[in-house]
PDB file of N, CA and C in Angstrom:
ATOM      1  N   MET A   1     -20.676  -1.626 -17.171  1.00  0.00           N
ATOM      2  CA  MET A   1     -20.334  -0.508 -16.086  1.00  0.00           C
ATOM      3  C   MET A   1     -20.669  -1.083 -14.757  1.00  0.00           C
ATOM      4  N   HIS A   2     -20.000  -0.561 -13.756  1.00  0.00           N
ATOM      5  CA  HIS A   2     -20.023  -1.237 -12.610  1.00  0.00           C
ATOM      6  C   HIS A   2     -19.492   0.056 -11.379  1.00  0.00           C
ATOM      7  N   VAL A   3     -20.443   0.053 -10.339  1.00  0.00           N
ATOM      8  CA  VAL A   3     -20.360   0.862  -9.183  1.00  0.00           C
ATOM      9  C   VAL A   3     -19.791   0.116  -8.173  1.00  0.00           C
ATOM     10  N   CYS A   4     -18.488   0.485  -7.688  1.00  0.00           N
ATOM     11  CA  CYS A   4     -18.079  -0.146  -6.229  1.00  0.00           C
ATOM     12  C   CYS A   4     -18.374   0.959  -5.064  1.00  0.00           C
ATOM     13  N   HIS A   5     -18.957   0.420  -4.177  1.00  0.00           N
ATOM     14  CA  HIS A   5     -19.162   0.902  -2.863  1.00  0.00           C
ATOM     15  C   HIS A   5     -18.181   0.209  -1.879  1.00  0.00           C
ATOM     16  N   PRO A   6     -17.183   1.042  -1.577  1.00  0.00           N
ATOM     17  CA  PRO A   6     -16.034   0.334  -0.800  1.00  0.00           C
ATOM     18  C   PRO A   6     -16.735  -0.146   0.527  1.00  0.00           C
ATOM     19  N   HIS A   7     -17.657   0.393   1.275  1.00  0.00           N
ATOM     20  CA  HIS A   7     -18.072  -0.207   2.459  1.00  0.00           C
ATOM     21  C   HIS A   7     -18.823  -1.479   2.089  1.00  0.00           C
ATOM     22  N   ASP A   8     -18.953  -1.782   1.136  1.00  0.00           N
ATOM     23  CA  ASP A   8     -19.702  -3.234   0.593  1.00  0.00           C
ATOM     24  C   ASP A   8     -18.727  -4.190   0.856  1.00  0.00           C
ATOM     25  N   PHE A   9     -17.612  -3.848   0.928  1.00  0.00           N
ATOM     26  CA  PHE A   9     -16.371  -5.053   0.873  1.00  0.00           C
ATOM     27  C   PHE A   9     -15.779  -5.028   2.047  1.00  0.00           C
ATOM     28  N   THR A  10     -15.794  -6.047   2.823  1.00  0.00           N
ATOM     29  CA  THR A  10     -15.248  -6.533   4.083  1.00  0.00           C
ATOM     30  C   THR A  10     -14.342  -7.785   4.009  1.00  0.00           C
ATOM     31  N   GLY A  11     -13.077  -7.676   3.889  1.00  0.00           N
ATOM     32  CA  GLY A  11     -12.442  -8.931   3.705  1.00  0.00           C
ATOM     33  C   GLY A  11     -12.504 -10.082   5.044  1.00  0.00           C
ATOM     34  N   THR A  12     -11.947 -11.106   4.880  1.00  0.00           N
ATOM     35  CA  THR A  12     -12.103 -12.188   6.053  1.00  0.00           C
ATOM     36  C   THR A  12     -10.715 -12.181   6.627  1.00  0.00           C
ATOM     37  N   ARG A  13      -9.661 -11.394   6.107  1.00  0.00           N
ATOM     38  CA  ARG A  13      -8.588 -11.227   6.761  1.00  0.00           C
ATOM     39  C   ARG A  13      -7.954  -9.911   6.383  1.00  0.00           C
ATOM     40  N   ALA A  14      -7.224  -9.447   7.330  1.00  0.00           N
ATOM     41  CA  ALA A  14      -6.221  -8.217   6.766  1.00  0.00           C
ATOM     42  C   ALA A  14      -5.670  -8.188   5.254  1.00  0.00           C
ATOM     43  N   TRP A  15      -5.869  -7.063   4.582  1.00  0.00           N
ATOM     44  CA  TRP A  15      -5.164  -6.848   3.279  1.00  0.00           C
ATOM     45  C   TRP A  15      -5.928  -7.653   2.294  1.00  0.00           C
ATOM     46  N   ASP A  16      -7.048  -8.085   2.738  1.00  0.00           N
ATOM     47  CA  ASP A  16      -7.769  -8.778   1.429  1.00  0.00           C
ATOM     48  C   ASP A  16      -8.216  -7.842   0.495  1.00  0.00           C
ATOM     49  N   ALA A  17      -8.133  -8.205  -0.806  1.00  0.00           N
ATOM     50  CA  ALA A  17      -8.272  -7.357  -1.905  1.00  0.00           C
ATOM     51  C   ALA A  17      -9.478  -7.906  -2.777  1.00  0.00           C
ATOM     52  N   LEU A  18     -10.222  -6.764  -3.272  1.00  0.00           N
ATOM     53  CA  LEU A  18     -11.253  -7.047  -4.368  1.00  0.00           C
ATOM     54  C   LEU A  18     -10.701  -6.306  -5.643  1.00  0.00           C
ATOM     55  N   ASP A  19     -10.294  -7.406  -6.800  1.00  0.00           N
ATOM     56  CA  ASP A  19      -9.667  -6.773  -7.877  1.00  0.00           C
ATOM     57  C   ASP A  19     -10.772  -6.060  -8.747  1.00  0.00           C
ATOM     58  N   ILE A  20     -10.369  -4.505  -9.102  1.00  0.00           N
ATOM     59  CA  ILE A  20     -11.415  -3.804  -9.725  1.00  0.00           C
ATOM     60  C   ILE A  20     -10.950  -3.816 -11.296  1.00  0.00           C
ATOM     61  N   GLU A  21      -9.887  -3.610 -11.546  1.00  0.00           N
ATOM     62  CA  GLU A  21      -9.689  -3.507 -13.149  1.00  0.00           C
ATOM     63  C   GLU A  21      -8.048  -3.553 -13.271  1.00  0.00           C
ATOM     64  N   ARG A  22      -7.731  -3.960 -14.328  1.00  0.00           N
ATOM     65  CA  ARG A  22      -6.326  -3.815 -14.954  1.00  0.00           C
ATOM     66  C   ARG A  22      -6.546  -2.893 -15.950  1.00  0.00           C
ATOM     67  N   ILE A  23      -5.607  -1.784 -15.949  1.00  0.00           N
ATOM     68  CA  ILE A  23      -5.350  -0.894 -16.903  1.00  0.00           C
ATOM     69  C   ILE A  23      -4.157  -0.960 -17.543  1.00  0.00           C
ATOM     70  N   GLY A  24      -3.769  -1.453 -19.074  1.00  0.00           N
ATOM     71  CA  GLY A  24      -2.445  -1.565 -19.121  1.00  0.00           C
ATOM     72  C   GLY A  24      -1.860  -2.477 -18.275  1.00  0.00           C
ATOM     73  N   ASP A  25      -0.902  -2.240 -17.916  1.00  0.00           N
ATOM     74  CA  ASP A  25       0.220  -3.041 -17.019  1.00  0.00           C
ATOM     75  C   ASP A  25      -0.219  -2.915 -15.424  1.00  0.00           C
ATOM     76  N   ALA A  26      -1.062  -1.954 -15.052  1.00  0.00           N
ATOM     77  CA  ALA A  26      -1.557  -1.411 -13.721  1.00  0.00           C
ATOM     78  C   ALA A  26      -2.675  -2.364 -13.282  1.00  0.00           C
ATOM     79  N   THR A  27      -2.769  -2.714 -12.011  1.00  0.00           N
ATOM     80  CA  THR A  27      -3.961  -3.272 -11.219  1.00  0.00           C
ATOM     81  C   THR A  27      -4.314  -2.123 -10.426  1.00  0.00           C
ATOM     82  N   VAL A  28      -5.604  -2.123 -10.093  1.00  0.00           N
ATOM     83  CA  VAL A  28      -6.609  -1.388  -9.259  1.00  0.00           C
ATOM     84  C   VAL A  28      -7.437  -2.200  -8.601  1.00  0.00           C
ATOM     85  N   ARG A  29      -6.790  -2.307  -7.122  1.00  0.00           N
ATOM     86  CA  ARG A  29      -7.600  -3.075  -6.037  1.00  0.00           C
ATOM     87  C   ARG A  29      -8.001  -2.408  -4.864  1.00  0.00           C
ATOM     88  N   LEU A  30      -9.055  -2.906  -4.291  1.00  0.00           N
ATOM     89  CA  LEU A  30      -9.678  -2.112  -3.173  1.00  0.00           C
ATOM     90  C   LEU A  30      -9.148  -3.232  -2.130  1.00  0.00           C
ATOM     91  N   HIS A  31      -8.388  -2.732  -1.245  1.00  0.00           N
ATOM     92  CA  HIS A  31      -8.224  -3.544   0.090  1.00  0.00           C
ATOM     93  C   HIS A  31      -8.735  -3.348   1.269  1.00  0.00           C
ATOM     94  N   TRP A  32      -9.111  -4.043   1.986  1.00  0.00           N
ATOM     95  CA  TRP A  32      -9.915  -3.858   3.311  1.00  0.00           C
ATOM     96  C   TRP A  32      -8.715  -4.445   4.315  1.00  0.00           C
ATOM     97  N   THR A  33      -8.557  -3.558   5.454  1.00  0.00           N
ATOM     98  CA  THR A  33      -7.708  -4.165   6.366  1.00  0.00           C
ATOM     99  C   THR A  33      -8.107  -3.543   7.925  1.00  0.00           C
ATOM    100  N   ASP A  34      -7.566  -4.320   8.906  1.00  0.00           N
ATOM    101  CA  ASP A  34      -7.509  -3.884  10.384  1.00  0.00           C
ATOM    102  C   ASP A  34      -6.578  -4.002  11.020  1.00  0.00           C
ATOM    103  N   ALA A  35      -5.168  -4.425  10.267  1.00  0.00           N
ATOM    104  CA  ALA A  35      -4.188  -4.727  10.895  1.00  0.00           C
ATOM    105  C   ALA A  35      -2.882  -4.224  10.038  1.00  0.00           C
ATOM    106  N   PRO A  36      -1.914  -3.844  10.647  1.00  0.00           N
ATOM    107  CA  PRO A  36      -0.726  -3.308   9.776  1.00  0.00           C
ATOM    108  C   PRO A  36      -0.150  -4.223   8.891  1.00  0.00           C
ATOM    109  N   TYR A  37       0.510  -3.659   7.788  1.00  0.00           N
ATOM    110  CA  TYR A  37       1.126  -4.589   6.749  1.00  0.00           C
ATOM    111  C   TYR A  37       2.352  -4.759   7.248  1.00  0.00           C
ATOM    112  N   HIS A  38       3.356  -4.910   6.777  1.00  0.00           N
ATOM    113  CA  HIS A  38       4.779  -4.890   6.996  1.00  0.00           C
ATOM    114  C   HIS A  38       5.696  -4.200   6.370  1.00  0.00           C
ATOM    115  N   TRP A  39       6.875  -3.869   6.897  1.00  0.00           N
ATOM    116  CA  TRP A  39       7.846  -2.759   6.202  1.00  0.00           C
ATOM    117  C   TRP A  39       8.327  -3.544   5.041  1.00  0.00           C
ATOM    118  N   HIS A  40       8.169  -2.583   3.810  1.00  0.00           N
ATOM    119  CA  HIS A  40       8.618  -3.363   2.576  1.00  0.00           C
ATOM    120  C   HIS A  40       8.902  -2.300   1.612  1.00  0.00           C
ATOM    121  N   VAL A  41       9.560  -2.511   0.342  1.00  0.00           N
ATOM    122  CA  VAL A  41       9.745  -1.709  -0.790  1.00  0.00           C
ATOM    123  C   VAL A  41       8.972  -2.352  -1.793  1.00  0.00           C
ATOM    124  N   ASN A  42       8.727  -1.567  -2.780  1.00  0.00           N
ATOM    125  CA  ASN A  42       7.990  -2.369  -4.209  1.00  0.00           C
ATOM    126  C   ASN A  42       9.162  -2.035  -5.040  1.00  0.00           C
ATOM    127  N   ASP A  43       8.867  -2.865  -6.394  1.00  0.00           N
ATOM    128  CA  ASP A  43      10.039  -2.463  -7.220  1.00  0.00           C
ATOM    129  C   ASP A  43       9.084  -1.951  -8.573  1.00  0.00           C
ATOM    130  N   GLY A  44       8.524  -1.063  -8.078  1.00  0.00           N
ATOM    131  CA  GLY A  44       7.810  -0.025  -9.071  1.00  0.00           C
ATOM    132  C   GLY A  44       6.751   1.029  -8.065  1.00  0.00           C
ATOM    133  N   PRO A  45       6.410   2.024  -8.783  1.00  0.00           N
ATOM    134  CA  PRO A  45       5.539   2.837  -8.093  1.00  0.00           C
ATOM    135  C   PRO A  45       4.056   2.415  -7.414  1.00  0.00           C
ATOM    136  N   GLU A  46       3.674   3.081  -6.383  1.00  0.00           N
ATOM    137  CA  GLU A  46       2.418   2.524  -5.981  1.00  0.00           C
ATOM    138  C   GLU A  46       1.666   3.759  -5.403  1.00  0.00           C
ATOM    139  N   VAL A  47       0.366   3.817  -5.696  1.00  0.00           N
ATOM    140  CA  VAL A  47      -0.650   5.062  -5.287  1.00  0.00           C
ATOM    141  C   VAL A  47      -1.418   4.420  -4.525  1.00  0.00           C
ATOM    142  N   PHE A  48      -1.730   4.934  -3.120  1.00  0.00           N
ATOM    143  CA  PHE A  48      -2.231   4.321  -2.104  1.00  0.00           C
ATOM    144  C   PHE A  48      -3.367   5.345  -1.635  1.00  0.00           C
ATOM    145  N   ALA A  49      -4.564   5.243  -1.882  1.00  0.00           N
ATOM    146  CA  ALA A  49      -5.607   6.163  -1.455  1.00  0.00           C
ATOM    147  C   ALA A  49      -6.592   5.745  -0.645  1.00  0.00           C
ATOM    148  N   VAL A  50      -6.685   6.571   0.360  1.00  0.00           N
ATOM    149  CA  VAL A  50      -7.606   6.168   1.635  1.00  0.00           C
ATOM    150  C   VAL A  50      -9.082   6.346   1.124  1.00  0.00           C
ATOM    151  N   LEU A  51      -9.791   5.285   1.203  1.00  0.00           N
ATOM    152  CA  LEU A  51     -11.353   5.607   1.056  1.00  0.00           C
ATOM    153  C   LEU A  51     -12.294   5.778   2.231  1.00  0.00           C
ATOM    154  N   SER A  52     -11.963   4.917   3.164  1.00  0.00           N
ATOM    155  CA  SER A  52     -12.554   5.095   4.434  1.00  0.00           C
ATOM    156  C   SER A  52     -11.711   4.674   5.477  1.00  0.00           C
ATOM    157  N   GLY A  53     -11.775   5.319   6.901  1.00  0.00           N
ATOM    158  CA  GLY A  53     -10.992   5.021   7.796  1.00  0.00           C
ATOM    159  C   GLY A  53      -9.542   5.916   7.935  1.00  0.00           C
ATOM    160  N   GLN A  54      -8.742   5.513   8.749  1.00  0.00           N
ATOM    161  CA  GLN A  54      -7.707   6.355   8.854  1.00  0.00           C
ATOM    162  C   GLN A  54      -6.426   5.272   8.764  1.00  0.00           C
ATOM    163  N   VAL A  55      -5.362   5.642   8.287  1.00  0.00           N
ATOM    164  CA  VAL A  55      -4.129   5.084   8.233  1.00  0.00           C
ATOM    165  C   VAL A  55      -2.952   6.000   8.455  1.00  0.00           C
ATOM    166  N   ALA A  56      -2.044   5.331   9.276  1.00  0.00           N
ATOM    167  CA  ALA A  56      -0.714   5.867   9.923  1.00  0.00           C
ATOM    168  C   ALA A  56       0.147   5.178   8.531  1.00  0.00           C
ATOM    169  N   MET A  57       0.837   6.018   7.812  1.00  0.00           N
ATOM    170  CA  MET A  57       1.605   5.629   6.894  1.00  0.00           C
ATOM    171  C   MET A  57       3.149   5.973   7.406  1.00  0.00           C
ATOM    172  N   HIS A  58       3.748   4.829   7.643  1.00  0.00           N
ATOM    173  CA  HIS A  58       5.296   5.016   8.394  1.00  0.00           C
ATOM    174  C   HIS A  58       6.152   5.089   7.045  1.00  0.00           C
ATOM    175  N   VAL A  59       7.082   5.826   7.064  1.00  0.00           N
ATOM    176  CA  VAL A  59       8.063   5.697   6.118  1.00  0.00           C
ATOM    177  C   VAL A  59       9.601   5.984   6.648  1.00  0.00           C
ATOM    178  N   ARG A  60      10.612   5.354   5.881  1.00  0.00           N
ATOM    179  CA  ARG A  60      12.007   5.554   6.315  1.00  0.00           C
ATOM    180  C   ARG A  60      12.846   6.043   5.062  1.00  0.00           C
ATOM    181  N   GLU A  61      13.182   7.458   5.686  1.00  0.00           N
ATOM    182  CA  GLU A  61      14.020   7.928   4.281  1.00  0.00           C
ATOM    183  C   GLU A  61      15.359   8.472   5.280  1.00  0.00           C
ATOM    184  N   ASN A  62      16.536   8.010   4.560  1.00  0.00           N
ATOM    185  CA  ASN A  62      17.631   8.416   4.986  1.00  0.00           C
ATOM    186  C   ASN A  62      17.924   7.963   6.519  1.00  0.00           C
ATOM    187  N   GLY A  63      17.357   6.981   6.922  1.00  0.00           N
ATOM    188  CA  GLY A  63      17.410   6.261   8.187  1.00  0.00           C
ATOM    189  C   GLY A  63      16.498   6.771   9.318  1.00  0.00           C
ATOM    190  N   GLU A  64      15.692   7.859   8.677  1.00  0.00           N
ATOM    191  CA  GLU A  64      14.952   8.332   9.649  1.00  0.00           C
ATOM    192  C   GLU A  64      13.382   7.900   9.339  1.00  0.00           C
ATOM    193  N   GLU A  65      12.548   7.687  10.442  1.00  0.00           N
ATOM    194  CA  GLU A  65      11.329   7.060  10.414  1.00  0.00           C
ATOM    195  C   GLU A  65      10.285   8.180  10.511  1.00  0.00           C
ATOM    196  N   ARG A  66       9.330   8.448   9.436  1.00  0.00           N
ATOM    197  CA  ARG A  66       8.065   9.648   9.710  1.00  0.00           C
ATOM    198  C   ARG A  66       6.829   9.151   9.654  1.00  0.00           C
ATOM    199  N   ILE A  67       5.870   9.643  10.069  1.00  0.00           N
ATOM    200  CA  ILE A  67       4.867   8.974   9.954  1.00  0.00           C
ATOM    201  C   ILE A  67       3.486  10.154   9.182  1.00  0.00           C
ATOM    202  N   HIS A  68       3.034   9.676   8.300  1.00  0.00           N
ATOM    203  CA  HIS A  68       1.899  10.507   7.806  1.00  0.00           C
ATOM    204  C   HIS A  68       0.556  10.194   8.173  1.00  0.00           C
ATOM    205  N   ASN A  69      -0.109  10.811   8.625  1.00  0.00           N
ATOM    206  CA  ASN A  69      -1.665  10.480   9.072  1.00  0.00           C
ATOM    207  C   ASN A  69      -2.630  10.725   7.831  1.00  0.00           C
ATOM    208  N   LEU A  70      -3.091   9.456   7.240  1.00  0.00           N
ATOM    209  CA  LEU A  70      -4.122   9.572   5.912  1.00  0.00           C
ATOM    210  C   LEU A  70      -5.415   9.391   6.568  1.00  0.00           C
ATOM    211  N   GLY A  71      -6.434  10.241   5.902  1.00  0.00           N
ATOM    212  CA  GLY A  71      -7.781   9.926   6.126  1.00  0.00           C
ATOM    213  C   GLY A  71      -8.489  10.020   4.629  1.00  0.00           C
ATOM    214  N   PRO A  72      -9.872   9.709   4.633  1.00  0.00           N
ATOM    215  CA  PRO A  72     -10.652   9.482   3.564  1.00  0.00           C
ATOM    216  C   PRO A  72     -10.315  10.709   2.503  1.00  0.00           C
ATOM    217  N   GLY A  73      -9.853  10.305   1.364  1.00  0.00           N
ATOM    218  CA  GLY A  73      -9.468  11.322   0.337  1.00  0.00           C
ATOM    219  C   GLY A  73      -8.044  11.563   0.175  1.00  0.00           C
ATOM    220  N   ASP A  74      -7.417  11.224   1.233  1.00  0.00           N
ATOM    221  CA  ASP A  74      -5.737  11.142   1.216  1.00  0.00           C
ATOM    222  C   ASP A  74      -5.051  10.375   0.227  1.00  0.00           C
ATOM    223  N   VAL A  75      -4.028  10.661  -0.555  1.00  0.00           N
ATOM    224  CA  VAL A  75      -3.240   9.643  -1.561  1.00  0.00           C
ATOM    225  C   VAL A  75      -1.863   9.755  -0.840  1.00  0.00           C
ATOM    226  N   PHE A  76      -1.387   8.525  -0.918  1.00  0.00           N
ATOM    227  CA  PHE A  76       0.154   8.332  -0.706  1.00  0.00           C
ATOM    228  C   PHE A  76       0.911   7.921  -1.902  1.00  0.00           C
ATOM    229  N   HIS A  77       1.980   8.260  -2.237  1.00  0.00           N
ATOM    230  CA  HIS A  77       2.633   7.728  -3.645  1.00  0.00           C
ATOM    231  C   HIS A  77       3.863   7.508  -3.169  1.00  0.00           C
ATOM    232  N   ALA A  78       4.188   6.094  -3.309  1.00  0.00           N
ATOM    233  CA  ALA A  78       5.492   5.688  -3.006  1.00  0.00           C
ATOM    234  C   ALA A  78       6.147   5.287  -4.338  1.00  0.00           C
ATOM    235  N   LYS A  79       7.499   5.582  -4.510  1.00  0.00           N
ATOM    236  CA  LYS A  79       8.292   5.446  -5.935  1.00  0.00           C
ATOM    237  C   LYS A  79       9.102   4.014  -5.328  1.00  0.00           C
ATOM    238  N   ASP A  80       9.544   3.477  -6.668  1.00  0.00           N
ATOM    239  CA  ASP A  80      10.291   2.389  -6.751  1.00  0.00           C
ATOM    240  C   ASP A  80      11.467   2.338  -5.489  1.00  0.00           C
ATOM    241  N   GLY A  81      11.508   1.627  -4.544  1.00  0.00           N
ATOM    242  CA  GLY A  81      12.430   1.481  -3.696  1.00  0.00           C
ATOM    243  C   GLY A  81      12.018   2.397  -2.161  1.00  0.00           C
ATOM    244  N   ASP A  82      10.957   2.934  -2.024  1.00  0.00           N
ATOM    245  CA  ASP A  82      10.620   3.662  -1.020  1.00  0.00           C
ATOM    246  C   ASP A  82      10.122   2.689   0.043  1.00  0.00           C
ATOM    247  N   GLU A  83      10.717   2.819   1.173  1.00  0.00           N
ATOM    248  CA  GLU A  83      10.442   1.807   2.388  1.00  0.00           C
ATOM    249  C   GLU A  83       9.187   2.519   3.119  1.00  0.00           C
ATOM    250  N   HIS A  84       8.259   1.592   3.458  1.00  0.00           N
ATOM    251  CA  HIS A  84       7.002   2.081   3.801  1.00  0.00           C
ATOM    252  C   HIS A  84       6.220   0.809   4.496  1.00  0.00           C
ATOM    253  N   VAL A  85       5.078   1.290   5.132  1.00  0.00           N
ATOM    254  CA  VAL A  85       4.121   0.399   6.063  1.00  0.00           C
ATOM    255  C   VAL A  85       3.065   0.955   6.524  1.00  0.00           C
ATOM    256  N   ALA A  86       2.015   0.328   6.035  1.00  0.00           N
ATOM    257  CA  ALA A  86       0.557   0.995   6.370  1.00  0.00           C
ATOM    258  C   ALA A  86       0.175   0.469   7.639  1.00  0.00           C
ATOM    259  N   HIS A  87      -0.318   1.482   8.726  1.00  0.00           N
ATOM    260  CA  HIS A  87      -0.874   0.853   9.967  1.00  0.00           C
ATOM    261  C   HIS A  87      -2.333   1.407   9.950  1.00  0.00           C
ATOM    262  N   PRO A  88      -3.234   0.956   9.795  1.00  0.00           N
ATOM    263  CA  PRO A  88      -4.582   1.169   9.909  1.00  0.00           C
ATOM    264  C   PRO A  88      -4.988   1.649  11.303  1.00  0.00           C
ATOM    265  N   VAL A  89      -5.753   2.437  11.327  1.00  0.00           N
ATOM    266  CA  VAL A  89      -6.336   2.999  12.724  1.00  0.00           C
ATOM    267  C   VAL A  89      -7.566   2.370  12.902  1.00  0.00           C
ATOM    268  N   GLY A  90      -8.092   1.056  13.378  1.00  0.00           N
ATOM    269  CA  GLY A  90      -9.278   0.581  13.191  1.00  0.00           C
ATOM    270  C   GLY A  90      -9.210  -0.119  11.655  1.00  0.00           C
ATOM    271  N   GLU A  91     -10.649  -0.300  11.276  1.00  0.00           N
ATOM    272  CA  GLU A  91     -10.695  -0.580   9.866  1.00  0.00           C
ATOM    273  C   GLU A  91     -10.730   0.667   8.914  1.00  0.00           C
ATOM    274  N   ALA A  92      -9.782   0.199   7.770  1.00  0.00           N
ATOM    275  CA  ALA A  92      -9.595   1.094   6.726  1.00  0.00           C
ATOM    276  C   ALA A  92      -9.921   0.313   5.273  1.00  0.00           C
ATOM    277  N   ARG A  93     -10.177   1.125   4.411  1.00  0.00           N
ATOM    278  CA  ARG A  93     -10.331   0.447   2.949  1.00  0.00           C
ATOM    279  C   ARG A  93      -9.439   1.481   2.044  1.00  0.00           C
ATOM    280  N   VAL A  94      -8.483   0.940   1.333  1.00  0.00           N
ATOM    281  CA  VAL A  94      -7.809   1.528   0.574  1.00  0.00           C
ATOM    282  C   VAL A  94      -7.551   1.105  -0.953  1.00  0.00           C
ATOM    283  N   LEU A  95      -7.568   2.033  -1.825  1.00  0.00           N
ATOM    284  CA  LEU A  95      -7.472   1.682  -3.330  1.00  0.00           C
ATOM    285  C   LEU A  95      -6.059   1.811  -3.555  1.00  0.00           C
ATOM    286  N   VAL A  96      -5.753   0.698  -4.287  1.00  0.00           N
ATOM    287  CA  VAL A  96      -4.001   0.655  -4.292  1.00  0.00           C
ATOM    288  C   VAL A  96      -4.000   0.442  -5.854  1.00  0.00           C
ATOM    289  N   ILE A  97      -3.039   1.262  -6.621  1.00  0.00           N
ATOM    290  CA  ILE A  97      -2.797   0.981  -7.848  1.00  0.00           C
ATOM    291  C   ILE A  97      -1.276   0.968  -8.083  1.00  0.00           C
ATOM    292  N   LYS A  98      -0.810  -0.170  -8.680  1.00  0.00           N
ATOM    293  CA  LYS A  98       0.583  -0.201  -8.904  1.00  0.00           C
ATOM    294  C   LYS A  98       0.601  -1.333 -10.114  1.00  0.00           C
ATOM    295  N   ARG A  99       1.872  -1.373 -10.565  1.00  0.00           N
ATOM    296  CA  ARG A  99       2.118  -2.454 -11.848  1.00  0.00           C
ATOM    297  C   ARG A  99       1.597  -3.687 -11.473  1.00  0.00           C
ATOM    298  N   ALA A 100       1.161  -4.367 -12.234  1.00  0.00           N
ATOM    299  CA  ALA A 100       0.830  -5.953 -12.284  1.00  0.00           C
ATOM    300  C   ALA A 100       1.918  -6.813 -11.946  1.00  0.00           C
ATOM    301  N   GLY A 101       1.786  -7.428 -10.810  1.00  0.00           N
ATOM    302  CA  GLY A 101       3.216  -8.429 -10.705  1.00  0.00           C
ATOM    303  C   GLY A 101       4.175  -7.632  -9.952  1.00  0.00           C
ATOM    304  N   SER A 102       3.823  -6.550  -9.583  1.00  0.00           N
ATOM    305  CA  SER A 102       4.945  -5.768  -8.862  1.00  0.00           C
ATOM    306  C   SER A 102       5.208  -6.455  -7.322  1.00  0.00           C
ATOM    307  N   VAL A 103       6.441  -6.605  -7.285  1.00  0.00           N
ATOM    308  CA  VAL A 103       7.027  -7.301  -6.040  1.00  0.00           C
ATOM    309  C   VAL A 103       7.384  -6.506  -4.865  1.00  0.00           C
ATOM    310  N   SER A 104       6.717  -6.808  -3.669  1.00  0.00           N
ATOM    311  CA  SER A 104       7.088  -6.120  -2.513  1.00  0.00           C
ATOM    312  C   SER A 104       7.937  -7.100  -1.757  1.00  0.00           C
ATOM    313  N   CYS A 105       9.140  -6.409  -1.391  1.00  0.00           N
ATOM    314  CA  CYS A 105      10.142  -7.124  -0.638  1.00  0.00           C
ATOM    315  C   CYS A 105      10.322  -6.490   0.756  1.00  0.00           C
ATOM    316  N   ALA A 106      10.425  -7.198   1.688  1.00  0.00           N
ATOM    317  CA  ALA A 106      10.832  -6.960   3.018  1.00  0.00           C
ATOM    318  C   ALA A 106      12.193  -6.254   3.169  1.00  0.00           C
ATOM    319  N   ARG A 107      12.041  -5.405   4.237  1.00  0.00           N
ATOM    320  CA  ARG A 107      13.455  -4.537   4.102  1.00  0.00           C
ATOM    321  C   ARG A 107      14.280  -5.172   5.068  1.00  0.00           C
ATOM    322  N   TYR A 108      15.641  -5.434   4.616  1.00  0.00           N
ATOM    323  CA  TYR A 108      16.526  -5.668   5.725  1.00  0.00           C
ATOM    324  C   TYR A 108      17.514  -4.802   5.869  1.00  0.00           C
ATOM    325  N   SER A 109      17.948  -4.475   7.042  1.00  0.00           N
ATOM    326  CA  SER A 109      18.651  -3.225   7.314  1.00  0.00           C
ATOM    327  C   SER A 109      20.259  -3.402   6.430  1.00  0.00           C
ATOM    328  N   ARG A 110      20.696  -4.888   6.308  1.00  0.00           N
ATOM    329  CA  ARG A 110      21.896  -4.962   5.705  1.00  0.00           C
ATOM    330  C   ARG A 110      21.986  -4.425   4.294  1.00  0.00           C
ATOM    331  N   PHE A 111      20.538  -4.293   3.661  1.00  0.00           N
ATOM    332  CA  PHE A 111      20.668  -3.926   2.173  1.00  0.00           C
ATOM    333  C   PHE A 111      20.362  -2.549   2.241  1.00  0.00           C
ATOM    334  N   PRO A 112      21.210  -1.591   1.745  1.00  0.00           N
ATOM    335  CA  PRO A 112      20.982  -0.097   1.707  1.00  0.00           C
ATOM    336  C   PRO A 112      19.488   0.336   0.632  1.00  0.00           C
ATOM    337  N   SER A 113      19.364  -0.698  -0.424  1.00  0.00           N
ATOM    338  CA  SER A 113      18.286  -0.464  -1.347  1.00  0.00           C
ATOM    339  C   SER A 113      17.813  -1.674  -2.037  1.00  0.00           C
ATOM    340  N   LEU A 114      16.615  -1.779  -2.405  1.00  0.00           N
ATOM    341  CA  LEU A 114      15.961  -2.647  -3.249  1.00  0.00           C
ATOM    342  C   LEU A 114      16.998  -3.017  -4.312  1.00  0.00           C
ATOM    343  N   LYS A 115      17.763  -2.216  -4.914  1.00  0.00           N
ATOM    344  CA  LYS A 115      18.498  -2.672  -5.955  1.00  0.00           C
ATOM    345  C   LYS A 115      19.749  -3.493  -5.513  1.00  0.00           C
ATOM    346  N   ASP A 116      19.953  -3.373  -4.252  1.00  0.00           N
ATOM    347  CA  ASP A 116      21.241  -4.420  -3.675  1.00  0.00           C
ATOM    348  C   ASP A 116      20.715  -5.479  -3.299  1.00  0.00           C
ATOM    349  N   ILE A 117      19.318  -5.656  -2.946  1.00  0.00           N
ATOM    350  CA  ILE A 117      18.767  -6.988  -2.686  1.00  0.00           C
ATOM    351  C   ILE A 117      18.666  -7.627  -3.898  1.00  0.00           C
ATOM    352  N   ARG A 118      18.558  -7.252  -5.249  1.00  0.00           N
ATOM    353  CA  ARG A 118      18.390  -7.860  -6.467  1.00  0.00           C
ATOM    354  C   ARG A 118      19.616  -8.567  -7.013  1.00  0.00           C
ATOM    355  N   ARG A 119      20.977  -8.061  -6.548  1.00  0.00           N
ATOM    356  CA  ARG A 119      22.328  -8.614  -7.108  1.00  0.00           C
ATOM    357  C   ARG A 119      22.493  -9.998  -6.904  1.00  0.00           C
TER     358      ARG A 119
END
């Protein structure tokens, strides 16, 4: 057994991760960050739970950008192909659950979807 206290983990650079567990074909990782990620889409679902701090989750749907403000206890669920980027407000720790080996691809405006990038 193991107890993980999120505040005990601080990365040396933004988006450093502590691997907690692999369950079937999914990974559970604790990320520490103090800087935005980059616009991307995943090739599978992703669950993003804020454990500490605040995160502005930017999403693009049908060409329009929206921002979801997330705090401790809030959960964001991105499906395959959902375009998003996380912007922490100061330091944040987040639990990310996704398929092992899932690829995050930068989003290029000339491609309407991840499926088109793979062709």
